[in-house]
Amino acid sequence: MHRNPARRSIRWLALVIVVFGPAVATLAPRAVSAASSATRIDVSKAARELRVYSGGELSRTYRIALGGNPIPPKRRQGDRATPEGLYYISHKNPRSQFYLSLGISYPNRDDAERGLREGLITRAQRDAIARAIAARRAPPSNTALGGDIFVHGRGSASDWTWGCIALDDADMKELYDAIDVGTPITIRP
């Protein structure tokens, strides 16, 4: 009986892969995702940094740009300030005019309560914002408080946005791919 040596080599290779493949795969270098399984985002406006945490551990830091009025918290539409507070990623936009973007749930309940006290929004608008936040949706952005606040691309060299948080495009791609809708984001002074 005559055997094909090529076929025997293929069988041998298949056996080696089945037996040793998983062990070899664990030794192979892996690209570490910026924020795979990200559990939260923390933004420091003063440091111009966006930090991504996974399982309580810092997994990545990005340089950012802010609104053209970067120091105060956002108070109203058109002030070019970046909000401060506790928010979440409300949606993802793969067709953003600013490369890619992650929606931030501004205004939140605190912003809405302040807006109502200051006479910027009506009780009905405050209630609509509260319902959206309770449902973990994007809140209405068509009030005097403003809205449509995003983490997006197009550069972090200087503060240039209308209140958003901007990253360099390569960093934004990495972040966009790693972040899920619903991820908490804290924006600090």
N, C-alpha and C. Protein backbone atom coordinates (compact mmCIF):
# COMPACT_ATOMS: atom_id res chain seq x y z
N MET A 1 0.84 -1.17 0.00
CA MET A 1 0.00 0.00 0.00
C MET A 1 0.89 1.23 0.00
N HIS A 2 0.63 2.16 -0.96
CA HIS A 2 1.45 3.35 -1.13
C HIS A 2 0.69 4.57 -0.60
N ARG A 3 1.31 5.32 0.33
CA ARG A 3 0.65 6.50 0.92
C ARG A 3 1.21 7.79 0.31
N ASN A 4 0.35 8.80 0.26
CA ASN A 4 0.72 10.11 -0.27
C ASN A 4 1.42 10.90 0.84
N PRO A 5 2.72 11.26 0.69
CA PRO A 5 3.44 11.98 1.75
C PRO A 5 2.87 13.39 1.99
N ALA A 6 2.32 14.05 0.99
CA ALA A 6 1.74 15.39 1.18
C ALA A 6 0.51 15.31 2.06
N ARG A 7 -0.31 14.30 1.82
CA ARG A 7 -1.52 14.13 2.62
C ARG A 7 -1.15 13.85 4.08
N ARG A 8 -0.10 13.04 4.32
CA ARG A 8 0.34 12.73 5.68
C ARG A 8 0.85 14.01 6.36
N SER A 9 1.54 14.87 5.64
CA SER A 9 2.04 16.13 6.21
C SER A 9 0.90 17.05 6.61
N ILE A 10 -0.14 17.08 5.78
CA ILE A 10 -1.30 17.92 6.09
C ILE A 10 -2.01 17.41 7.34
N ARG A 11 -2.16 16.10 7.45
CA ARG A 11 -2.79 15.53 8.64
C ARG A 11 -1.97 15.84 9.88
N TRP A 12 -0.66 15.71 9.78
CA TRP A 12 0.23 15.99 10.91
C TRP A 12 0.09 17.45 11.33
N LEU A 13 0.09 18.38 10.36
CA LEU A 13 -0.05 19.80 10.65
C LEU A 13 -1.39 20.08 11.32
N ALA A 14 -2.45 19.46 10.83
CA ALA A 14 -3.78 19.64 11.43
C ALA A 14 -3.78 19.17 12.88
N LEU A 15 -3.14 18.05 13.16
CA LEU A 15 -3.06 17.53 14.53
C LEU A 15 -2.30 18.50 15.42
N VAL A 16 -1.20 19.05 14.94
CA VAL A 16 -0.41 20.01 15.72
C VAL A 16 -1.25 21.25 16.03
N ILE A 17 -2.00 21.74 15.03
CA ILE A 17 -2.82 22.93 15.25
C ILE A 17 -3.90 22.66 16.28
N VAL A 18 -4.56 21.51 16.18
CA VAL A 18 -5.63 21.17 17.13
C VAL A 18 -5.09 21.04 18.54
N VAL A 19 -3.94 20.39 18.68
CA VAL A 19 -3.39 20.14 20.01
C VAL A 19 -2.71 21.37 20.60
N PHE A 20 -1.89 22.05 19.79
CA PHE A 20 -1.08 23.14 20.32
C PHE A 20 -1.57 24.53 19.93
N GLY A 21 -2.54 24.63 19.04
CA GLY A 21 -3.02 25.93 18.56
C GLY A 21 -3.44 26.87 19.66
N PRO A 22 -4.32 26.43 20.59
CA PRO A 22 -4.74 27.36 21.64
C PRO A 22 -3.58 27.87 22.50
N ALA A 23 -2.62 27.03 22.78
CA ALA A 23 -1.47 27.47 23.60
C ALA A 23 -0.62 28.47 22.84
N VAL A 24 -0.42 28.22 21.54
CA VAL A 24 0.38 29.15 20.73
C VAL A 24 -0.36 30.48 20.59
N ALA A 25 -1.68 30.44 20.44
CA ALA A 25 -2.46 31.68 20.29
C ALA A 25 -2.34 32.56 21.52
N THR A 26 -2.24 31.98 22.71
CA THR A 26 -2.13 32.80 23.92
C THR A 26 -0.76 33.46 24.02
N LEU A 27 0.23 32.95 23.30
CA LEU A 27 1.56 33.55 23.32
C LEU A 27 1.71 34.65 22.29
N ALA A 28 0.84 34.67 21.31
CA ALA A 28 0.94 35.66 20.24
C ALA A 28 0.64 37.04 20.80
N PRO A 29 1.38 38.07 20.33
CA PRO A 29 1.09 39.43 20.81
C PRO A 29 -0.29 39.86 20.34
N ARG A 30 -0.99 40.59 21.19
CA ARG A 30 -2.32 41.08 20.85
C ARG A 30 -2.33 42.59 20.86
N ALA A 31 -3.10 43.14 19.95
CA ALA A 31 -3.30 44.58 19.98
C ALA A 31 -4.27 44.86 21.12
N VAL A 32 -3.90 45.77 21.97
CA VAL A 32 -4.77 46.10 23.10
C VAL A 32 -5.71 47.20 22.64
N SER A 33 -6.97 46.92 22.69
CA SER A 33 -7.97 47.91 22.30
C SER A 33 -7.96 49.03 23.31
N ALA A 34 -8.23 50.22 22.82
CA ALA A 34 -8.23 51.39 23.69
C ALA A 34 -9.18 51.22 24.85
N ALA A 35 -10.30 50.67 24.58
CA ALA A 35 -11.31 50.65 25.62
C ALA A 35 -12.25 49.48 25.47
N SER A 36 -11.74 48.36 24.99
CA SER A 36 -12.66 47.25 24.84
C SER A 36 -13.27 46.94 26.18
N SER A 37 -14.56 46.74 26.19
CA SER A 37 -15.31 46.54 27.42
C SER A 37 -15.19 47.74 28.35
N ALA A 38 -15.18 48.93 27.76
CA ALA A 38 -15.08 50.14 28.57
C ALA A 38 -16.26 50.22 29.52
N THR A 39 -15.96 50.55 30.75
CA THR A 39 -17.03 50.67 31.73
C THR A 39 -17.39 52.11 32.01
N ARG A 40 -16.47 53.05 31.72
CA ARG A 40 -16.80 54.46 31.92
C ARG A 40 -15.76 55.35 31.25
N ILE A 41 -16.18 56.58 31.01
CA ILE A 41 -15.31 57.62 30.44
C ILE A 41 -15.27 58.76 31.44
N ASP A 42 -14.08 59.32 31.64
CA ASP A 42 -13.91 60.45 32.53
C ASP A 42 -13.17 61.54 31.75
N VAL A 43 -13.73 62.75 31.71
CA VAL A 43 -13.14 63.87 30.98
C VAL A 43 -12.69 64.91 31.99
N SER A 44 -11.45 65.36 31.87
CA SER A 44 -10.94 66.48 32.65
C SER A 44 -10.77 67.65 31.69
N LYS A 45 -11.63 68.66 31.83
CA LYS A 45 -11.53 69.82 30.96
C LYS A 45 -10.20 70.54 31.19
N ALA A 46 -9.81 70.71 32.44
CA ALA A 46 -8.58 71.44 32.76
C ALA A 46 -7.35 70.76 32.16
N ALA A 47 -7.30 69.45 32.24
CA ALA A 47 -6.14 68.70 31.72
C ALA A 47 -6.25 68.44 30.22
N ARG A 48 -7.43 68.72 29.63
CA ARG A 48 -7.70 68.42 28.21
C ARG A 48 -7.44 66.95 27.93
N GLU A 49 -8.03 66.09 28.79
CA GLU A 49 -7.87 64.64 28.66
C GLU A 49 -9.21 63.92 28.77
N LEU A 50 -9.35 62.88 27.96
CA LEU A 50 -10.46 61.95 28.07
C LEU A 50 -9.85 60.62 28.45
N ARG A 51 -10.29 60.08 29.58
CA ARG A 51 -9.75 58.82 30.08
C ARG A 51 -10.81 57.74 29.99
N VAL A 52 -10.40 56.57 29.53
CA VAL A 52 -11.31 55.43 29.42
C VAL A 52 -10.90 54.41 30.47
N TYR A 53 -11.90 53.94 31.23
CA TYR A 53 -11.67 52.94 32.26
C TYR A 53 -12.40 51.66 31.90
N SER A 54 -11.76 50.56 32.20
CA SER A 54 -12.35 49.25 32.00
C SER A 54 -12.10 48.44 33.25
N GLY A 55 -13.17 47.95 33.87
CA GLY A 55 -13.02 47.18 35.09
C GLY A 55 -12.35 47.95 36.21
N GLY A 56 -12.55 49.25 36.25
CA GLY A 56 -11.95 50.08 37.29
C GLY A 56 -10.52 50.51 37.00
N GLU A 57 -9.92 49.97 35.95
CA GLU A 57 -8.53 50.30 35.60
C GLU A 57 -8.50 51.26 34.41
N LEU A 58 -7.59 52.24 34.47
CA LEU A 58 -7.39 53.14 33.34
C LEU A 58 -6.85 52.34 32.16
N SER A 59 -7.56 52.40 31.03
CA SER A 59 -7.09 51.64 29.87
C SER A 59 -6.54 52.53 28.77
N ARG A 60 -6.94 53.82 28.72
CA ARG A 60 -6.42 54.68 27.66
C ARG A 60 -6.71 56.13 28.00
N THR A 61 -5.81 57.02 27.60
CA THR A 61 -5.98 58.46 27.77
C THR A 61 -5.83 59.12 26.40
N TYR A 62 -6.73 60.05 26.10
CA TYR A 62 -6.69 60.79 24.83
C TYR A 62 -6.60 62.28 25.10
N ARG A 63 -5.88 62.98 24.24
CA ARG A 63 -5.84 64.44 24.27
C ARG A 63 -7.11 64.94 23.60
N ILE A 64 -7.71 66.01 24.14
CA ILE A 64 -8.97 66.53 23.61
C ILE A 64 -8.92 68.04 23.41
N ALA A 65 -9.87 68.52 22.62
CA ALA A 65 -10.17 69.94 22.51
C ALA A 65 -11.60 70.12 23.02
N LEU A 66 -11.90 71.34 23.44
CA LEU A 66 -13.22 71.64 24.00
C LEU A 66 -13.88 72.74 23.18
N GLY A 67 -14.98 73.25 23.74
CA GLY A 67 -15.66 74.38 23.11
C GLY A 67 -14.80 75.62 23.15
N GLY A 68 -15.14 76.58 22.32
CA GLY A 68 -14.39 77.83 22.24
C GLY A 68 -14.45 78.65 23.52
N ASN A 69 -15.34 78.31 24.45
CA ASN A 69 -15.47 78.92 25.78
C ASN A 69 -15.26 77.78 26.79
N PRO A 70 -14.01 77.33 26.97
CA PRO A 70 -13.77 76.03 27.62
C PRO A 70 -13.89 75.99 29.14
N ILE A 71 -13.84 77.11 29.83
CA ILE A 71 -13.76 77.06 31.29
C ILE A 71 -15.11 76.89 31.98
N PRO A 72 -16.13 77.70 31.69
CA PRO A 72 -17.39 77.50 32.43
C PRO A 72 -18.16 76.28 31.94
N PRO A 73 -19.07 75.76 32.76
CA PRO A 73 -19.94 74.69 32.29
C PRO A 73 -20.99 75.26 31.33
N LYS A 74 -21.48 74.43 30.45
CA LYS A 74 -22.51 74.85 29.51
C LYS A 74 -23.76 75.28 30.28
N ARG A 75 -24.31 76.44 29.92
CA ARG A 75 -25.51 76.96 30.58
C ARG A 75 -26.67 77.12 29.60
N ARG A 76 -26.34 77.42 28.34
CA ARG A 76 -27.39 77.71 27.38
C ARG A 76 -26.88 77.53 25.96
N GLN A 77 -27.83 77.43 25.04
CA GLN A 77 -27.50 77.27 23.63
C GLN A 77 -26.64 78.43 23.15
N GLY A 78 -25.60 78.11 22.39
CA GLY A 78 -24.75 79.13 21.79
C GLY A 78 -23.65 79.68 22.65
N ASP A 79 -23.50 79.20 23.90
CA ASP A 79 -22.45 79.76 24.76
C ASP A 79 -21.06 79.19 24.48
N ARG A 80 -20.98 78.18 23.61
CA ARG A 80 -19.73 77.53 23.19
C ARG A 80 -18.99 76.88 24.37
N ALA A 81 -19.69 76.62 25.45
CA ALA A 81 -19.11 75.96 26.62
C ALA A 81 -19.39 74.47 26.56
N THR A 82 -18.48 73.69 27.15
CA THR A 82 -18.64 72.23 27.24
C THR A 82 -19.31 71.92 28.57
N PRO A 83 -20.34 71.06 28.58
CA PRO A 83 -21.05 70.77 29.83
C PRO A 83 -20.15 70.12 30.88
N GLU A 84 -20.61 70.15 32.11
CA GLU A 84 -19.97 69.44 33.22
C GLU A 84 -21.04 68.68 33.97
N GLY A 85 -20.73 67.43 34.31
CA GLY A 85 -21.68 66.63 35.06
C GLY A 85 -21.61 65.16 34.68
N LEU A 86 -22.64 64.43 35.09
CA LEU A 86 -22.73 62.99 34.83
C LEU A 86 -23.69 62.75 33.67
N TYR A 87 -23.20 62.08 32.64
CA TYR A 87 -23.97 61.83 31.44
C TYR A 87 -23.75 60.37 31.01
N TYR A 88 -24.24 60.02 29.83
CA TYR A 88 -23.97 58.72 29.24
C TYR A 88 -23.91 58.89 27.72
N ILE A 89 -23.33 57.91 27.05
CA ILE A 89 -23.28 57.94 25.59
C ILE A 89 -24.68 57.52 25.11
N SER A 90 -25.38 58.45 24.47
CA SER A 90 -26.78 58.22 24.10
C SER A 90 -26.93 57.59 22.72
N HIS A 91 -25.98 57.80 21.85
CA HIS A 91 -26.06 57.23 20.51
C HIS A 91 -24.73 57.40 19.79
N LYS A 92 -24.58 56.66 18.69
CA LYS A 92 -23.37 56.72 17.88
C LYS A 92 -23.75 57.20 16.48
N ASN A 93 -22.91 58.04 15.90
CA ASN A 93 -23.17 58.56 14.56
C ASN A 93 -21.97 58.24 13.65
N PRO A 94 -22.11 57.22 12.79
CA PRO A 94 -21.00 56.88 11.90
C PRO A 94 -20.88 57.82 10.70
N ARG A 95 -21.85 58.72 10.51
CA ARG A 95 -21.84 59.64 9.37
C ARG A 95 -21.71 61.10 9.82
N SER A 96 -21.05 61.32 10.91
CA SER A 96 -20.88 62.66 11.45
C SER A 96 -20.09 63.55 10.50
N GLN A 97 -20.45 64.82 10.44
CA GLN A 97 -19.65 65.76 9.66
C GLN A 97 -18.28 65.99 10.31
N PHE A 98 -18.13 65.50 11.54
CA PHE A 98 -16.86 65.61 12.26
C PHE A 98 -16.22 64.23 12.41
N TYR A 99 -16.22 63.46 11.33
CA TYR A 99 -15.63 62.15 11.18
C TYR A 99 -16.53 61.07 11.78
N LEU A 100 -16.46 60.83 13.07
CA LEU A 100 -17.34 59.92 13.80
C LEU A 100 -17.75 60.64 15.07
N SER A 101 -18.90 60.26 15.66
CA SER A 101 -19.26 60.94 16.90
C SER A 101 -20.06 60.03 17.83
N LEU A 102 -19.92 60.34 19.11
CA LEU A 102 -20.64 59.67 20.19
C LEU A 102 -21.49 60.74 20.88
N GLY A 103 -22.81 60.56 20.86
CA GLY A 103 -23.70 61.53 21.48
C GLY A 103 -23.60 61.50 22.99
N ILE A 104 -23.60 62.67 23.61
CA ILE A 104 -23.58 62.81 25.07
C ILE A 104 -24.98 63.23 25.51
N SER A 105 -25.47 62.66 26.57
CA SER A 105 -26.84 62.90 27.04
C SER A 105 -27.02 64.25 27.73
N TYR A 106 -26.53 65.31 27.11
CA TYR A 106 -26.77 66.67 27.59
C TYR A 106 -28.00 67.21 26.89
N PRO A 107 -28.89 67.87 27.62
CA PRO A 107 -28.89 68.18 29.04
C PRO A 107 -29.38 67.00 29.89
N ASN A 108 -28.82 66.89 31.09
CA ASN A 108 -29.28 65.84 32.00
C ASN A 108 -30.35 66.42 32.94
N ARG A 109 -30.77 65.66 33.92
CA ARG A 109 -31.83 66.14 34.84
C ARG A 109 -31.39 67.39 35.61
N ASP A 110 -30.14 67.41 36.08
CA ASP A 110 -29.65 68.58 36.81
C ASP A 110 -29.66 69.82 35.92
N ASP A 111 -29.21 69.66 34.68
CA ASP A 111 -29.22 70.79 33.75
C ASP A 111 -30.65 71.28 33.51
N ALA A 112 -31.59 70.33 33.38
CA ALA A 112 -32.99 70.68 33.15
C ALA A 112 -33.59 71.40 34.35
N GLU A 113 -33.30 70.93 35.55
CA GLU A 113 -33.81 71.59 36.76
C GLU A 113 -33.26 73.01 36.86
N ARG A 114 -31.97 73.18 36.61
CA ARG A 114 -31.37 74.51 36.63
C ARG A 114 -32.03 75.39 35.57
N GLY A 115 -32.21 74.83 34.36
CA GLY A 115 -32.84 75.61 33.29
C GLY A 115 -34.26 76.05 33.64
N LEU A 116 -35.01 75.19 34.32
CA LEU A 116 -36.36 75.54 34.74
C LEU A 116 -36.31 76.66 35.79
N ARG A 117 -35.43 76.50 36.79
CA ARG A 117 -35.29 77.53 37.84
C ARG A 117 -34.91 78.89 37.25
N GLU A 118 -34.03 78.87 36.25
CA GLU A 118 -33.55 80.12 35.65
C GLU A 118 -34.48 80.65 34.56
N GLY A 119 -35.58 79.95 34.30
CA GLY A 119 -36.54 80.42 33.31
C GLY A 119 -36.12 80.20 31.86
N LEU A 120 -35.15 79.33 31.65
CA LEU A 120 -34.68 79.06 30.29
C LEU A 120 -35.56 78.06 29.56
N ILE A 121 -36.19 77.15 30.30
CA ILE A 121 -37.05 76.14 29.70
C ILE A 121 -38.37 76.05 30.47
N THR A 122 -39.34 75.47 29.83
CA THR A 122 -40.64 75.29 30.46
C THR A 122 -40.66 73.99 31.26
N ARG A 123 -41.70 73.86 32.06
CA ARG A 123 -41.89 72.61 32.81
C ARG A 123 -42.05 71.43 31.85
N ALA A 124 -42.76 71.63 30.74
CA ALA A 124 -42.95 70.56 29.75
C ALA A 124 -41.62 70.15 29.14
N GLN A 125 -40.75 71.11 28.87
CA GLN A 125 -39.42 70.79 28.33
C GLN A 125 -38.59 70.05 29.36
N ARG A 126 -38.66 70.50 30.61
CA ARG A 126 -37.95 69.81 31.68
C ARG A 126 -38.43 68.36 31.78
N ASP A 127 -39.72 68.16 31.73
CA ASP A 127 -40.29 66.82 31.82
C ASP A 127 -39.88 65.95 30.64
N ALA A 128 -39.82 66.52 29.43
CA ALA A 128 -39.41 65.77 28.25
C ALA A 128 -37.94 65.32 28.38
N ILE A 129 -37.12 66.20 28.92
CA ILE A 129 -35.71 65.85 29.16
C ILE A 129 -35.63 64.72 30.19
N ALA A 130 -36.39 64.85 31.27
CA ALA A 130 -36.37 63.82 32.33
C ALA A 130 -36.84 62.46 31.79
N ARG A 131 -37.87 62.46 30.94
CA ARG A 131 -38.35 61.19 30.35
C ARG A 131 -37.28 60.56 29.47
N ALA A 132 -36.60 61.36 28.68
CA ALA A 132 -35.55 60.83 27.80
C ALA A 132 -34.41 60.25 28.63
N ILE A 133 -34.02 60.93 29.68
CA ILE A 133 -32.94 60.44 30.55
C ILE A 133 -33.36 59.14 31.22
N ALA A 134 -34.60 59.08 31.71
CA ALA A 134 -35.09 57.86 32.37
C ALA A 134 -35.11 56.68 31.40
N ALA A 135 -35.35 56.94 30.12
CA ALA A 135 -35.39 55.89 29.10
C ALA A 135 -34.01 55.64 28.47
N ARG A 136 -32.99 56.39 28.94
CA ARG A 136 -31.61 56.27 28.42
C ARG A 136 -31.54 56.56 26.93
N ARG A 137 -32.33 57.57 26.50
CA ARG A 137 -32.31 58.05 25.11
C ARG A 137 -31.59 59.39 25.07
N ALA A 138 -31.39 59.88 23.86
CA ALA A 138 -30.85 61.23 23.69
C ALA A 138 -31.93 62.22 24.11
N PRO A 139 -31.61 63.18 24.98
CA PRO A 139 -32.61 64.16 25.40
C PRO A 139 -32.89 65.18 24.29
N PRO A 140 -34.02 65.88 24.37
CA PRO A 140 -34.30 66.90 23.37
C PRO A 140 -33.19 67.94 23.33
N SER A 141 -32.84 68.35 22.12
CA SER A 141 -31.73 69.31 21.97
C SER A 141 -32.23 70.67 21.47
N ASN A 142 -33.54 70.83 21.36
CA ASN A 142 -34.10 72.04 20.77
C ASN A 142 -34.66 73.00 21.81
N THR A 143 -33.96 73.13 22.93
CA THR A 143 -34.38 74.08 23.98
C THR A 143 -33.30 75.14 24.13
N ALA A 144 -33.58 76.12 24.97
CA ALA A 144 -32.60 77.18 25.24
C ALA A 144 -31.35 76.67 25.95
N LEU A 145 -31.42 75.44 26.49
CA LEU A 145 -30.23 74.85 27.13
C LEU A 145 -29.21 74.39 26.09
N GLY A 146 -29.65 74.23 24.85
CA GLY A 146 -28.78 73.70 23.81
C GLY A 146 -28.79 72.19 23.85
N GLY A 147 -27.96 71.60 23.04
CA GLY A 147 -27.88 70.15 22.95
C GLY A 147 -26.98 69.76 21.81
N ASP A 148 -27.18 68.53 21.34
CA ASP A 148 -26.30 67.99 20.29
C ASP A 148 -24.83 68.12 20.69
N ILE A 149 -24.53 67.67 21.89
CA ILE A 149 -23.15 67.66 22.38
C ILE A 149 -22.59 66.26 22.11
N PHE A 150 -21.40 66.22 21.53
CA PHE A 150 -20.78 64.96 21.10
C PHE A 150 -19.32 64.90 21.51
N VAL A 151 -18.81 63.67 21.55
CA VAL A 151 -17.38 63.41 21.45
C VAL A 151 -17.19 63.09 19.98
N HIS A 152 -16.34 63.84 19.29
CA HIS A 152 -16.17 63.63 17.85
C HIS A 152 -14.74 63.86 17.41
N GLY A 153 -14.49 63.62 16.15
CA GLY A 153 -13.16 63.78 15.58
C GLY A 153 -12.92 65.19 15.06
N ARG A 154 -11.89 65.30 14.25
CA ARG A 154 -11.45 66.49 13.53
C ARG A 154 -10.42 67.33 14.27
N GLY A 155 -9.86 66.82 15.35
CA GLY A 155 -8.68 67.47 15.89
C GLY A 155 -8.76 67.97 17.31
N SER A 156 -7.62 67.85 18.01
CA SER A 156 -7.53 68.25 19.41
C SER A 156 -6.47 69.31 19.66
N ALA A 157 -6.01 69.97 18.61
CA ALA A 157 -4.90 70.92 18.77
C ALA A 157 -5.29 72.19 19.52
N SER A 158 -6.53 72.64 19.38
CA SER A 158 -6.98 73.85 20.09
C SER A 158 -8.48 73.75 20.35
N ASP A 159 -8.98 74.58 21.29
CA ASP A 159 -10.40 74.57 21.62
C ASP A 159 -11.17 75.29 20.51
N TRP A 160 -11.99 74.53 19.78
CA TRP A 160 -12.63 75.08 18.59
C TRP A 160 -14.10 74.71 18.43
N THR A 161 -14.62 73.79 19.24
CA THR A 161 -15.97 73.28 19.00
C THR A 161 -17.02 74.25 19.57
N TRP A 162 -18.29 73.91 19.35
CA TRP A 162 -19.41 74.69 19.88
C TRP A 162 -19.84 74.16 21.25
N GLY A 163 -19.00 73.36 21.89
CA GLY A 163 -19.30 72.79 23.21
C GLY A 163 -19.02 71.31 23.27
N CYS A 164 -18.62 70.74 22.15
CA CYS A 164 -18.33 69.30 22.09
C CYS A 164 -16.91 69.02 22.57
N ILE A 165 -16.57 67.74 22.58
CA ILE A 165 -15.24 67.27 22.94
C ILE A 165 -14.66 66.66 21.67
N ALA A 166 -13.52 67.17 21.22
CA ALA A 166 -12.94 66.72 19.95
C ALA A 166 -11.63 65.98 20.18
N LEU A 167 -11.45 64.91 19.41
CA LEU A 167 -10.22 64.11 19.41
C LEU A 167 -9.64 64.13 18.00
N ASP A 168 -8.39 63.73 17.89
CA ASP A 168 -7.81 63.49 16.57
C ASP A 168 -8.54 62.30 15.95
N ASP A 169 -8.62 62.27 14.63
CA ASP A 169 -9.43 61.25 13.96
C ASP A 169 -9.01 59.82 14.28
N ALA A 170 -7.72 59.54 14.31
CA ALA A 170 -7.27 58.16 14.61
C ALA A 170 -7.71 57.75 16.02
N ASP A 171 -7.63 58.68 16.97
CA ASP A 171 -8.08 58.40 18.33
C ASP A 171 -9.60 58.23 18.38
N MET A 172 -10.30 59.05 17.60
CA MET A 172 -11.76 58.94 17.59
C MET A 172 -12.20 57.61 17.03
N LYS A 173 -11.53 57.12 16.00
CA LYS A 173 -11.87 55.81 15.43
C LYS A 173 -11.70 54.71 16.48
N GLU A 174 -10.59 54.76 17.20
CA GLU A 174 -10.32 53.77 18.24
C GLU A 174 -11.39 53.83 19.33
N LEU A 175 -11.72 55.04 19.78
CA LEU A 175 -12.71 55.21 20.83
C LEU A 175 -14.10 54.79 20.34
N TYR A 176 -14.47 55.22 19.15
CA TYR A 176 -15.78 54.89 18.59
C TYR A 176 -16.00 53.39 18.52
N ASP A 177 -14.99 52.68 18.08
CA ASP A 177 -15.09 51.22 17.95
C ASP A 177 -15.19 50.52 19.31
N ALA A 178 -14.69 51.16 20.36
CA ALA A 178 -14.62 50.51 21.66
C ALA A 178 -15.75 50.87 22.62
N ILE A 179 -16.49 51.92 22.32
CA ILE A 179 -17.50 52.42 23.26
C ILE A 179 -18.89 51.97 22.86
N ASP A 180 -19.67 51.53 23.83
CA ASP A 180 -21.05 51.14 23.61
C ASP A 180 -21.99 52.27 24.02
N VAL A 181 -23.15 52.31 23.38
CA VAL A 181 -24.20 53.22 23.81
C VAL A 181 -24.55 52.83 25.25
N GLY A 182 -24.73 53.86 26.10
CA GLY A 182 -25.03 53.63 27.51
C GLY A 182 -23.82 53.78 28.42
N THR A 183 -22.62 53.86 27.86
CA THR A 183 -21.41 54.01 28.68
C THR A 183 -21.48 55.34 29.44
N PRO A 184 -21.29 55.32 30.75
CA PRO A 184 -21.29 56.58 31.52
C PRO A 184 -20.10 57.46 31.13
N ILE A 185 -20.34 58.76 31.10
CA ILE A 185 -19.27 59.73 30.86
C ILE A 185 -19.43 60.87 31.87
N THR A 186 -18.36 61.11 32.61
CA THR A 186 -18.33 62.19 33.59
C THR A 186 -17.45 63.28 33.02
N ILE A 187 -17.95 64.51 33.00
CA ILE A 187 -17.18 65.65 32.51
C ILE A 187 -16.93 66.56 33.69
N ARG A 188 -15.64 66.73 34.01
CA ARG A 188 -15.22 67.51 35.18
C ARG A 188 -14.59 68.83 34.73
N PRO A 189 -14.61 69.84 35.63
CA PRO A 189 -13.95 71.13 35.29
C PRO A 189 -12.48 70.94 34.95
